[in-house]
Amino acid sequence: MVDLEDIRAATADLPRSYEVLVRDRTKFRVGQIVYLAVAPDEQTIGIGFPREERAAALAAEPDKFLPPRPSDERYQWIEVRLAALEYAELRELILDAWSMCVPKKVREEFFADLGDRP
């Protein structure tokens, strides 16, 4: 199981990413775009996720993924149970969510430095 400290570690090196506290929810943003939000009880996170892949993820792993709140369904968003994640999967979900909202040039430079993504 991962926790808020693991989330902070996984986001620490992401360019333009920063943490804010909004109404008891820890959120991670690029500019004004939220790509990750931690529930107040720190048991689940909401995270940027391709809308067209959401139904497949929910069907394939219902113990891990939850649908977003009705008010968030229009967004590219999914809820995830932290107890169902290992750090490597958390990091991958975070990188994917961050990639969706950071400028292309920043994303390409970051992954070129990592050497593991295009």
Protein backbone atom coordinates (compact mmCIF):
# COMPACT_ATOMS: atom_id res chain seq x y z
CA MET A 1 0.00 0.00 0.00
CA VAL A 2 1.13 3.50 -0.80
CA ASP A 3 0.46 6.67 1.16
CA LEU A 4 0.69 10.44 0.87
CA GLU A 5 4.45 10.40 1.43
CA ASP A 6 4.84 8.01 -1.52
CA ILE A 7 2.70 10.34 -3.63
CA ARG A 8 4.90 13.28 -2.67
CA ALA A 9 8.02 11.27 -3.54
CA ALA A 10 6.54 10.25 -6.91
CA THR A 11 5.69 13.86 -7.81
CA ALA A 12 8.81 15.53 -6.40
CA ASP A 13 10.82 15.54 -9.64
CA LEU A 14 8.01 16.48 -12.01
CA PRO A 15 8.58 19.85 -13.68
CA ARG A 16 5.89 22.48 -13.05
CA SER A 17 4.10 20.25 -10.53
CA TYR A 18 3.19 21.67 -7.15
CA GLU A 19 1.11 20.70 -4.12
CA VAL A 20 -1.80 22.68 -2.66
CA LEU A 21 -4.36 22.11 0.08
CA VAL A 22 -7.94 22.86 -1.00
CA ARG A 23 -10.85 22.12 1.36
CA ASP A 24 -9.05 19.32 3.22
CA ARG A 25 -7.83 17.72 -0.01
CA THR A 26 -4.19 17.61 -0.97
CA LYS A 27 -3.98 18.32 -4.68
CA PHE A 28 -1.17 18.28 -7.19
CA ARG A 29 -1.31 20.71 -10.09
CA VAL A 30 0.42 21.89 -13.21
CA GLY A 31 -0.57 25.53 -13.50
CA GLN A 32 -4.24 25.56 -12.51
CA ILE A 33 -4.90 22.02 -13.78
CA VAL A 34 -5.32 19.41 -11.05
CA TYR A 35 -3.91 16.05 -12.09
CA LEU A 36 -4.10 14.29 -8.70
CA ALA A 37 -6.27 14.83 -5.61
CA VAL A 38 -5.95 12.90 -2.36
CA ALA A 39 -9.14 12.22 -0.39
CA PRO A 40 -9.23 13.71 3.13
CA ASP A 41 -9.03 10.21 4.66
CA GLU A 42 -6.04 9.41 2.37
CA GLN A 43 -7.60 6.10 1.32
CA THR A 44 -8.28 7.05 -2.30
CA ILE A 45 -7.01 9.43 -4.93
CA GLY A 46 -8.63 11.02 -7.93
CA ILE A 47 -6.24 11.14 -10.84
CA GLY A 48 -6.17 12.24 -14.44
CA PHE A 49 -7.00 9.27 -16.65
CA PRO A 50 -8.05 9.02 -20.31
CA ARG A 51 -11.83 9.09 -20.48
CA GLU A 52 -11.91 6.54 -23.32
CA GLU A 53 -9.96 4.02 -21.18
CA ARG A 54 -11.97 4.51 -17.98
CA ALA A 55 -14.68 1.88 -18.59
CA ALA A 56 -12.09 -0.78 -19.42
CA ALA A 57 -10.07 -0.03 -16.28
CA LEU A 58 -13.20 -0.11 -14.10
CA ALA A 59 -14.26 -3.46 -15.59
CA ALA A 60 -10.79 -5.03 -15.46
CA GLU A 61 -9.84 -4.01 -11.92
CA PRO A 62 -12.93 -3.06 -9.86
CA ASP A 63 -11.02 -3.61 -6.61
CA LYS A 64 -8.52 -0.92 -7.63
CA PHE A 65 -10.45 1.62 -9.70
CA LEU A 66 -13.66 3.44 -8.82
CA PRO A 67 -15.74 5.69 -11.06
CA PRO A 68 -15.34 9.40 -10.50
CA ARG A 69 -18.03 11.36 -8.66
CA PRO A 70 -20.91 12.25 -10.99
CA SER A 71 -19.71 15.87 -11.07
CA ASP A 72 -16.29 14.70 -12.33
CA GLU A 73 -17.48 12.23 -15.00
CA ARG A 74 -17.10 14.80 -17.76
CA TYR A 75 -13.39 15.10 -16.98
CA GLN A 76 -10.56 12.74 -17.78
CA TRP A 77 -10.59 11.40 -14.23
CA ILE A 78 -10.78 8.15 -12.23
CA GLU A 79 -10.67 7.25 -8.53
CA VAL A 80 -8.09 4.77 -7.23
CA ARG A 81 -7.86 2.87 -3.93
CA LEU A 82 -4.37 3.44 -2.50
CA ALA A 83 -4.45 0.07 -0.68
CA ALA A 84 -4.54 -1.66 -4.08
CA LEU A 85 -1.39 0.05 -5.42
CA GLU A 86 2.30 -0.64 -5.21
CA TYR A 87 4.73 2.25 -5.63
CA ALA A 88 5.71 1.41 -9.23
CA GLU A 89 2.08 1.44 -10.38
CA LEU A 90 1.41 4.66 -8.46
CA ARG A 91 4.37 6.31 -10.17
CA GLU A 92 3.15 5.18 -13.60
CA LEU A 93 -0.37 6.50 -12.97
CA ILE A 94 1.08 9.80 -11.76
CA LEU A 95 3.38 10.13 -14.78
CA ASP A 96 0.49 9.44 -17.13
CA ALA A 97 -1.77 11.98 -15.39
CA TRP A 98 0.98 14.62 -15.25
CA SER A 99 1.75 14.00 -18.95
CA MET A 100 -1.83 14.84 -19.87
CA CYS A 101 -1.58 18.41 -18.56
CA VAL A 102 2.03 19.50 -18.94
CA PRO A 103 3.21 21.14 -22.19
CA LYS A 104 4.50 18.68 -24.79
CA LYS A 105 8.02 20.13 -24.79
CA VAL A 106 8.32 19.82 -21.00
CA ARG A 107 7.02 16.23 -21.14
CA GLU A 108 9.42 15.24 -23.91
CA GLU A 109 12.43 16.75 -22.12
CA PHE A 110 11.51 15.04 -18.86
CA PHE A 111 11.10 11.59 -20.44
CA ALA A 112 14.27 12.04 -22.52
CA ASP A 113 16.16 12.63 -19.27
CA LEU A 114 14.55 9.50 -17.76
CA GLY A 115 15.32 7.51 -20.87
CA ASP A 116 12.31 5.22 -20.47
CA ARG A 117 9.58 6.92 -22.49
CA PRO A 118 9.30 8.75 -25.83
